C-alpha atoms as a PDB file:
ATOM      1  CA  MET A   1       0.090 -47.028 -28.999  1.00  0.00           C
ATOM      2  CA  GLY A   2      -0.056 -43.621 -27.857  1.00  0.00           C
ATOM      3  CA  GLU A   3      -1.194 -41.924 -24.572  1.00  0.00           C
ATOM      4  CA  LYS A   4      -4.470 -40.104 -24.503  1.00  0.00           C
ATOM      5  CA  ILE A   5      -4.145 -36.517 -24.020  1.00  0.00           C
ATOM      6  CA  SER A   6      -6.502 -35.259 -21.418  1.00  0.00           C
ATOM      7  CA  ILE A   7      -8.442 -32.230 -22.350  1.00  0.00           C
ATOM      8  CA  PRO A   8     -10.442 -29.947 -19.919  1.00  0.00           C
ATOM      9  CA  PRO A   9     -14.080 -30.173 -20.098  1.00  0.00           C
ATOM     10  CA  GLY A  10     -15.560 -27.462 -22.495  1.00  0.00           C
ATOM     11  CA  ASP A  11     -12.535 -26.999 -23.993  1.00  0.00           C
ATOM     12  CA  GLN A  12     -12.631 -26.735 -28.211  1.00  0.00           C
ATOM     13  CA  GLU A  13      -9.847 -27.183 -30.279  1.00  0.00           C
ATOM     14  CA  LEU A  14     -10.218 -23.451 -32.427  1.00  0.00           C
ATOM     15  CA  PRO A  15      -7.948 -21.852 -35.135  1.00  0.00           C
ATOM     16  CA  LEU A  16      -4.850 -19.287 -33.798  1.00  0.00           C
ATOM     17  CA  SER A  17      -6.993 -16.599 -35.530  1.00  0.00           C
ATOM     18  CA  GLU A  18     -10.417 -17.327 -33.403  1.00  0.00           C
ATOM     19  CA  HIS A  19      -8.009 -17.589 -30.171  1.00  0.00           C
ATOM     20  CA  LEU A  20      -6.331 -13.802 -31.336  1.00  0.00           C
ATOM     21  CA  ARG A  21      -9.528 -12.252 -32.256  1.00  0.00           C
ATOM     22  CA  GLU A  22     -11.346 -13.660 -28.532  1.00  0.00           C
ATOM     23  CA  LEU A  23      -7.938 -11.964 -27.119  1.00  0.00           C
ATOM     24  CA  ARG A  24      -8.216  -8.669 -29.141  1.00  0.00           C
ATOM     25  CA  ASN A  25     -12.046  -8.267 -28.115  1.00  0.00           C
ATOM     26  CA  ARG A  26     -11.221  -8.780 -24.460  1.00  0.00           C
ATOM     27  CA  ILE A  27      -8.202  -6.183 -24.866  1.00  0.00           C
ATOM     28  CA  VAL A  28     -11.013  -3.374 -26.870  1.00  0.00           C
ATOM     29  CA  ILE A  29     -13.267  -4.160 -23.829  1.00  0.00           C
ATOM     30  CA  VAL A  30     -10.401  -3.478 -21.161  1.00  0.00           C
ATOM     31  CA  LEU A  31      -9.305  -0.766 -22.770  1.00  0.00           C
ATOM     32  CA  ALA A  32     -12.238   1.302 -23.849  1.00  0.00           C
ATOM     33  CA  VAL A  33     -13.841   0.665 -20.082  1.00  0.00           C
ATOM     34  CA  THR A  34     -10.064   2.173 -18.756  1.00  0.00           C
ATOM     35  CA  ILE A  35     -10.126   5.214 -20.948  1.00  0.00           C
ATOM     36  CA  PHE A  36     -13.972   5.894 -20.253  1.00  0.00           C
ATOM     37  CA  LEU A  37     -13.322   5.500 -16.582  1.00  0.00           C
ATOM     38  CA  MET A  38      -9.932   8.268 -17.171  1.00  0.00           C
ATOM     39  CA  VAL A  39     -12.369  10.685 -18.712  1.00  0.00           C
ATOM     40  CA  LEU A  40     -14.885  10.504 -15.631  1.00  0.00           C
ATOM     41  CA  ALA A  41     -11.384  10.330 -13.119  1.00  0.00           C
ATOM     42  CA  TYR A  42      -9.624  13.727 -14.978  1.00  0.00           C
ATOM     43  CA  PRO A  43     -12.110  16.135 -13.175  1.00  0.00           C
ATOM     44  CA  VAL A  44     -11.074  15.001  -9.872  1.00  0.00           C
ATOM     45  CA  SER A  45      -7.701  14.229 -10.326  1.00  0.00           C
ATOM     46  CA  GLY A  46      -6.532  17.398  -9.043  1.00  0.00           C
ATOM     47  CA  ASN A  47      -8.532  16.890  -5.607  1.00  0.00           C
ATOM     48  CA  LEU A  48      -6.891  13.281  -5.960  1.00  0.00           C
ATOM     49  CA  MET A  49      -3.553  14.800  -6.104  1.00  0.00           C
ATOM     50  CA  GLU A  50      -3.918  17.353  -3.401  1.00  0.00           C
ATOM     51  CA  THR A  51      -5.297  14.831  -0.881  1.00  0.00           C
ATOM     52  CA  VAL A  52      -2.213  12.502  -1.401  1.00  0.00           C
ATOM     53  CA  TRP A  53       0.122  15.646  -1.380  1.00  0.00           C
ATOM     54  CA  THR A  54      -1.425  16.832   2.072  1.00  0.00           C
ATOM     55  CA  HIS A  55      -0.610  13.597   3.225  1.00  0.00           C
ATOM     56  CA  ILE A  56       2.687  12.775   2.630  1.00  0.00           C
ATOM     57  CA  MET A  57       4.218  15.754   2.656  1.00  0.00           C
ATOM     58  CA  PRO A  58       4.809  18.636   5.520  1.00  0.00           C
ATOM     59  CA  PRO A  59       2.868  21.171   5.284  1.00  0.00           C
ATOM     60  CA  TYR A  60       5.529  24.052   4.375  1.00  0.00           C
ATOM     61  CA  VAL A  61       6.206  21.856   1.220  1.00  0.00           C
ATOM     62  CA  LYS A  62       4.023  23.067  -2.062  1.00  0.00           C
ATOM     63  CA  MET A  63       3.528  21.658  -5.089  1.00  0.00           C
ATOM     64  CA  THR A  64       5.791  22.963  -8.340  1.00  0.00           C
ATOM     65  CA  VAL A  65       6.187  22.398 -11.788  1.00  0.00           C
ATOM     66  CA  TYR A  66       8.938  22.668 -13.803  1.00  0.00           C
ATOM     67  CA  GLU A  67       7.804  22.393 -17.581  1.00  0.00           C
ATOM     68  CA  PRO A  68       4.505  23.481 -19.220  1.00  0.00           C
ATOM     69  CA  MET A  69       2.610  19.976 -19.823  1.00  0.00           C
ATOM     70  CA  GLU A  70       3.753  18.714 -16.159  1.00  0.00           C
ATOM     71  CA  LEU A  71       0.418  19.352 -14.268  1.00  0.00           C
ATOM     72  CA  ILE A  72      -1.307  17.848 -17.436  1.00  0.00           C
ATOM     73  CA  LYS A  73       0.906  14.690 -17.401  1.00  0.00           C
ATOM     74  CA  VAL A  74       0.574  13.963 -14.018  1.00  0.00           C
ATOM     75  CA  ARG A  75      -3.328  14.362 -13.847  1.00  0.00           C
ATOM     76  CA  ILE A  76      -3.356  12.415 -16.646  1.00  0.00           C
ATOM     77  CA  ILE A  77      -1.235   9.925 -14.796  1.00  0.00           C
ATOM     78  CA  VAL A  78      -3.813   9.727 -11.711  1.00  0.00           C
ATOM     79  CA  SER A  79      -6.488   9.301 -13.680  1.00  0.00           C
ATOM     80  CA  PHE A  80      -5.417   6.512 -14.974  1.00  0.00           C
ATOM     81  CA  ILE A  81      -3.953   4.736 -12.005  1.00  0.00           C
ATOM     82  CA  ALA A  82      -7.661   5.493 -10.499  1.00  0.00           C
ATOM     83  CA  ALA A  83      -9.387   3.676 -13.668  1.00  0.00           C
ATOM     84  CA  VAL A  84      -6.749   0.616 -13.397  1.00  0.00           C
ATOM     85  CA  THR A  85      -7.709   0.764  -9.962  1.00  0.00           C
ATOM     86  CA  ILE A  86     -11.548   0.795 -10.342  1.00  0.00           C
ATOM     87  CA  GLY A  87     -11.448  -1.220 -13.304  1.00  0.00           C
ATOM     88  CA  PHE A  88      -8.761  -4.129 -12.346  1.00  0.00           C
ATOM     89  CA  PRO A  89     -11.856  -6.375 -11.463  1.00  0.00           C
ATOM     90  CA  LEU A  90     -13.133  -6.163 -15.234  1.00  0.00           C
ATOM     91  CA  LEU A  91      -9.174  -6.824 -15.817  1.00  0.00           C
ATOM     92  CA  VAL A  92      -9.231 -10.241 -13.785  1.00  0.00           C
ATOM     93  CA  TYR A  93     -12.715 -10.974 -15.064  1.00  0.00           C
ATOM     94  CA  GLU A  94     -11.722 -10.851 -18.877  1.00  0.00           C
ATOM     95  CA  THR A  95      -8.233 -12.784 -18.350  1.00  0.00           C
ATOM     96  CA  PHE A  96      -9.805 -15.518 -16.318  1.00  0.00           C
ATOM     97  CA  LYS A  97     -12.588 -15.728 -19.052  1.00  0.00           C
ATOM     98  CA  PHE A  98      -9.886 -16.108 -21.796  1.00  0.00           C
ATOM     99  CA  MET A  99      -8.032 -18.797 -20.146  1.00  0.00           C
ATOM    100  CA  ALA A 100     -11.179 -20.862 -18.518  1.00  0.00           C
ATOM    101  CA  PRO A 101     -11.919 -22.936 -21.459  1.00  0.00           C
ATOM    102  CA  GLY A 102      -8.323 -24.482 -21.262  1.00  0.00           C
ATOM    103  CA  LEU A 103      -8.731 -25.449 -17.630  1.00  0.00           C
ATOM    104  CA  TYR A 104      -9.282 -28.086 -15.503  1.00  0.00           C
ATOM    105  CA  ARG A 105     -11.872 -27.462 -12.559  1.00  0.00           C
ATOM    106  CA  ASN A 106      -9.173 -27.922  -9.869  1.00  0.00           C
ATOM    107  CA  GLU A 107      -7.120 -25.187 -11.908  1.00  0.00           C
ATOM    108  CA  LYS A 108      -9.864 -22.875 -11.950  1.00  0.00           C
ATOM    109  CA  ARG A 109     -10.772 -23.571  -8.076  1.00  0.00           C
ATOM    110  CA  PHE A 110      -6.650 -22.707  -7.357  1.00  0.00           C
ATOM    111  CA  ILE A 111      -6.831 -19.296  -9.157  1.00  0.00           C
ATOM    112  CA  LEU A 112     -10.341 -18.514  -7.721  1.00  0.00           C
ATOM    113  CA  ALA A 113      -8.864 -19.249  -4.144  1.00  0.00           C
ATOM    114  CA  VAL A 114      -5.339 -17.726  -4.540  1.00  0.00           C
ATOM    115  CA  PHE A 115      -6.442 -14.342  -6.303  1.00  0.00           C
ATOM    116  CA  PRO A 116      -8.043 -12.600  -3.592  1.00  0.00           C
ATOM    117  CA  PHE A 117      -5.507 -13.588  -1.525  1.00  0.00           C
ATOM    118  CA  SER A 118      -2.830 -12.004  -3.794  1.00  0.00           C
ATOM    119  CA  LEU A 119      -5.049  -8.861  -4.161  1.00  0.00           C
ATOM    120  CA  ALA A 120      -5.835  -8.686  -0.479  1.00  0.00           C
ATOM    121  CA  LEU A 121      -2.155  -8.602  -0.152  1.00  0.00           C
ATOM    122  CA  PHE A 122      -1.188  -6.327  -2.206  1.00  0.00           C
ATOM    123  CA  VAL A 123      -3.721  -3.895  -1.203  1.00  0.00           C
ATOM    124  CA  ALA A 124      -2.251  -4.200   2.106  1.00  0.00           C
ATOM    125  CA  GLY A 125       1.230  -3.155   1.050  1.00  0.00           C
ATOM    126  CA  ALA A 126       0.226  -0.289  -1.185  1.00  0.00           C
ATOM    127  CA  LEU A 127      -1.708   0.821   2.169  1.00  0.00           C
ATOM    128  CA  VAL A 128       1.407   0.552   4.279  1.00  0.00           C
ATOM    129  CA  ALA A 129       3.213   2.406   2.004  1.00  0.00           C
ATOM    130  CA  TYR A 130       0.679   5.463   1.822  1.00  0.00           C
ATOM    131  CA  PHE A 131      -0.040   5.896   5.102  1.00  0.00           C
ATOM    132  CA  ILE A 132       3.496   4.713   6.795  1.00  0.00           C
ATOM    133  CA  THR A 133       6.101   4.714   4.854  1.00  0.00           C
ATOM    134  CA  LEU A 134       6.048   7.833   2.600  1.00  0.00           C
ATOM    135  CA  PRO A 135       4.867  10.214   4.905  1.00  0.00           C
ATOM    136  CA  LEU A 136       8.059   9.014   7.181  1.00  0.00           C
ATOM    137  CA  PHE A 137      10.134   9.243   4.273  1.00  0.00           C
ATOM    138  CA  PHE A 138       9.641  12.595   2.886  1.00  0.00           C
ATOM    139  CA  ASP A 139       9.359  13.880   6.452  1.00  0.00           C
ATOM    140  CA  MET A 140      12.891  12.814   7.000  1.00  0.00           C
ATOM    141  CA  ILE A 141      14.373  13.759   3.792  1.00  0.00           C
ATOM    142  CA  LEU A 142      12.913  17.753   3.621  1.00  0.00           C
ATOM    143  CA  SER A 143      13.294  18.183   7.431  1.00  0.00           C
ATOM    144  CA  SER A 144      17.195  17.550   7.413  1.00  0.00           C
ATOM    145  CA  GLY A 145      17.739  20.187   4.442  1.00  0.00           C
ATOM    146  CA  SER A 146      14.791  22.323   5.035  1.00  0.00           C
ATOM    147  CA  ALA A 147      17.039  24.359   7.415  1.00  0.00           C
ATOM    148  CA  ILE A 148      19.600  24.788   4.561  1.00  0.00           C
ATOM    149  CA  ALA A 149      17.472  25.426   1.398  1.00  0.00           C
ATOM    150  CA  SER A 150      13.458  25.724   1.177  1.00  0.00           C
ATOM    151  CA  PRO A 151      11.951  22.725  -0.462  1.00  0.00           C
ATOM    152  CA  GLU A 152      10.906  22.688  -4.268  1.00  0.00           C
ATOM    153  CA  LEU A 153       9.933  19.380  -5.581  1.00  0.00           C
ATOM    154  CA  SER A 154       8.994  18.375  -8.804  1.00  0.00           C
ATOM    155  CA  MET A 155       5.170  17.328  -8.962  1.00  0.00           C
ATOM    156  CA  LYS A 156       5.805  14.644 -11.528  1.00  0.00           C
ATOM    157  CA  GLU A 157       8.504  12.670  -9.787  1.00  0.00           C
ATOM    158  CA  THR A 158       7.098  12.810  -6.659  1.00  0.00           C
ATOM    159  CA  PHE A 159       4.012  11.075  -7.777  1.00  0.00           C
ATOM    160  CA  THR A 160       6.653   9.011  -9.991  1.00  0.00           C
ATOM    161  CA  ILE A 161       8.076   8.343  -6.213  1.00  0.00           C
ATOM    162  CA  VAL A 162       4.684   7.637  -4.373  1.00  0.00           C
ATOM    163  CA  THR A 163       3.520   4.789  -7.598  1.00  0.00           C
ATOM    164  CA  ASN A 164       6.566   3.056  -7.009  1.00  0.00           C
ATOM    165  CA  PHE A 165       6.709   2.928  -3.419  1.00  0.00           C
ATOM    166  CA  MET A 166       3.146   1.681  -3.249  1.00  0.00           C
ATOM    167  CA  VAL A 167       3.697  -0.663  -6.057  1.00  0.00           C
ATOM    168  CA  GLY A 168       6.820  -1.864  -4.762  1.00  0.00           C
ATOM    169  CA  PHE A 169       5.031  -2.436  -1.250  1.00  0.00           C
ATOM    170  CA  GLY A 170       2.293  -4.209  -2.934  1.00  0.00           C
ATOM    171  CA  VAL A 171       4.589  -6.707  -4.840  1.00  0.00           C
ATOM    172  CA  VAL A 172       6.764  -7.147  -1.440  1.00  0.00           C
ATOM    173  CA  PHE A 173       3.748  -8.498   0.608  1.00  0.00           C
ATOM    174  CA  GLN A 174       3.146 -11.215  -1.730  1.00  0.00           C
ATOM    175  CA  VAL A 175       5.907 -12.961  -0.342  1.00  0.00           C
ATOM    176  CA  PRO A 176       3.497 -15.160   2.533  1.00  0.00           C
ATOM    177  CA  LEU A 177       1.480 -16.187  -0.814  1.00  0.00           C
ATOM    178  CA  VAL A 178       5.021 -17.342  -2.498  1.00  0.00           C
ATOM    179  CA  ILE A 179       6.160 -19.089   0.630  1.00  0.00           C
ATOM    180  CA  LEU A 180       2.439 -20.840   1.330  1.00  0.00           C
ATOM    181  CA  MET A 181       2.230 -21.869  -2.515  1.00  0.00           C
ATOM    182  CA  SER A 182       6.130 -23.209  -2.178  1.00  0.00           C
ATOM    183  CA  ILE A 183       5.499 -25.338   0.487  1.00  0.00           C
ATOM    184  CA  LYS A 184       2.346 -26.538  -0.981  1.00  0.00           C
ATOM    185  CA  MET A 185       4.164 -27.738  -4.145  1.00  0.00           C
ATOM    186  CA  ASP A 186       6.866 -29.237  -1.888  1.00  0.00           C
ATOM    187  CA  ILE A 187       9.166 -27.223  -3.373  1.00  0.00           C
ATOM    188  CA  VAL A 188      10.664 -26.327   0.160  1.00  0.00           C
ATOM    189  CA  LYS A 189       9.569 -27.744   3.539  1.00  0.00           C
ATOM    190  CA  ARG A 190       8.447 -25.842   6.293  1.00  0.00           C
ATOM    191  CA  LYS A 191      10.992 -27.684   8.519  1.00  0.00           C
ATOM    192  CA  THR A 192      13.792 -26.637   6.372  1.00  0.00           C
ATOM    193  CA  LEU A 193      12.892 -22.822   6.383  1.00  0.00           C
ATOM    194  CA  ALA A 194      11.731 -23.044  10.053  1.00  0.00           C
ATOM    195  CA  ASN A 195      15.306 -24.065  11.244  1.00  0.00           C
ATOM    196  CA  GLY A 196      17.090 -21.968   8.792  1.00  0.00           C
ATOM    197  CA  ARG A 197      15.081 -18.802  10.178  1.00  0.00           C
ATOM    198  CA  LEU A 198      17.966 -16.414  10.663  1.00  0.00           C
ATOM    199  CA  ALA A 199      19.338 -17.402   7.177  1.00  0.00           C
ATOM    200  CA  VAL A 200      15.990 -16.277   5.946  1.00  0.00           C
ATOM    201  CA  TYR A 201      15.886 -12.975   8.000  1.00  0.00           C
ATOM    202  CA  GLY A 202      19.124 -12.343   6.405  1.00  0.00           C
ATOM    203  CA  ILE A 203      17.704 -13.131   2.971  1.00  0.00           C
ATOM    204  CA  LEU A 204      14.247 -10.973   3.996  1.00  0.00           C
ATOM    205  CA  PHE A 205      16.766  -8.157   4.808  1.00  0.00           C
ATOM    206  CA  ALA A 206      18.442  -8.125   1.905  1.00  0.00           C
ATOM    207  CA  PHE A 207      15.554  -8.457  -0.848  1.00  0.00           C
ATOM    208  CA  ALA A 208      14.331  -5.172   1.188  1.00  0.00           C
ATOM    209  CA  VAL A 209      17.412  -3.336   0.123  1.00  0.00           C
ATOM    210  CA  LEU A 210      16.894  -4.412  -3.231  1.00  0.00           C
ATOM    211  CA  VAL A 211      13.521  -3.734  -3.675  1.00  0.00           C
ATOM    212  CA  SER A 212      13.204  -0.182  -1.536  1.00  0.00           C
ATOM    213  CA  PRO A 213      14.459   2.654  -3.138  1.00  0.00           C
ATOM    214  CA  ASP A 214      15.188   4.859  -0.135  1.00  0.00           C
ATOM    215  CA  PRO A 215      19.080   6.275   0.499  1.00  0.00           C
ATOM    216  CA  THR A 216      17.527   6.859   4.056  1.00  0.00           C
ATOM    217  CA  MET A 217      17.478   2.947   4.923  1.00  0.00           C
ATOM    218  CA  LEU A 218      13.877   3.690   6.208  1.00  0.00           C
ATOM    219  CA  SER A 219      11.489   2.200   4.015  1.00  0.00           C
ATOM    220  CA  GLN A 220      14.240  -0.764   3.642  1.00  0.00           C
ATOM    221  CA  LEU A 221      13.989  -1.200   7.373  1.00  0.00           C
ATOM    222  CA  ILE A 222      10.276  -1.235   7.170  1.00  0.00           C
ATOM    223  CA  VAL A 223      10.046  -3.542   4.789  1.00  0.00           C
ATOM    224  CA  GLY A 224      12.228  -5.759   6.667  1.00  0.00           C
ATOM    225  CA  ILE A 225      10.358  -5.928   9.726  1.00  0.00           C
ATOM    226  CA  VAL A 226       7.109  -6.369   7.918  1.00  0.00           C
ATOM    227  CA  LEU A 227       8.824  -9.145   5.651  1.00  0.00           C
ATOM    228  CA  ILE A 228       9.517 -11.074   8.830  1.00  0.00           C
ATOM    229  CA  ILE A 229       6.074 -10.618  10.174  1.00  0.00           C
ATOM    230  CA  LEU A 230       4.911 -11.723   6.705  1.00  0.00           C
ATOM    231  CA  PHE A 231       7.326 -14.749   7.128  1.00  0.00           C
ATOM    232  CA  GLU A 232       6.331 -15.870  10.747  1.00  0.00           C
ATOM    233  CA  MET A 233       2.537 -15.718   9.385  1.00  0.00           C
ATOM    234  CA  SER A 234       3.147 -18.006   6.646  1.00  0.00           C
ATOM    235  CA  MET A 235       5.052 -20.396   8.654  1.00  0.00           C
ATOM    236  CA  PHE A 236       2.120 -20.358  10.972  1.00  0.00           C
ATOM    237  CA  LEU A 237      -0.628 -20.571   8.201  1.00  0.00           C
ATOM    238  CA  ALA A 238       1.436 -23.585   6.645  1.00  0.00           C
ATOM    239  CA  LYS A 239       0.803 -25.975   9.289  1.00  0.00           C
ATOM    240  CA  PHE A 240      -2.816 -26.197   8.079  1.00  0.00           C
ATOM    241  CA  ILE A 241      -2.020 -27.167   4.531  1.00  0.00           C
END
């Protein structure tokens, strides 16, 4: 006699077409809200761009466009980023509601406990990139060549770098969560990590070099130091799990 398969409470067996229809409806809701927020954000996107530029750039560097549509493209990108940032809770909600019927109660509790921690780490990483790394990065890059030539930076390329830095740092800051989950799931022992600290430090710095797009090695150094601090925080928190 076959073993009975456990089914999460409230889960119902529905045709694949019903699941696809529900997924489509939730995607449509998210896209509609995102487009609406983009429309609201577009009129102030220029002010947002100016605020970011003033913060990260030395005062002698001006915004420059190299193609007729570049300014509009960048404003659309900035509006989209603003819309996704504001509407992100809706995306999480719709995703969770779609998955919830197939999850056990302990799985739901786990997701609800982990997500805020992950989001907080991502935001912390993006803030470190914005307030510390990006100003230092552009100041070092531009000051080294300003005596030879007057710097003129493409607006599109500059905001691409800003986005990559902030997203990259946000991802890097997930390391404590990965470490804690690995210890919790017994994939690796806390004692093993503690005994191999120097090797872990080397791996973290190697990871920093891979994920940080900076020829000056400044961001790699910052990321490496931050990763070591986060690792030690994870080791401390692991004592209580």
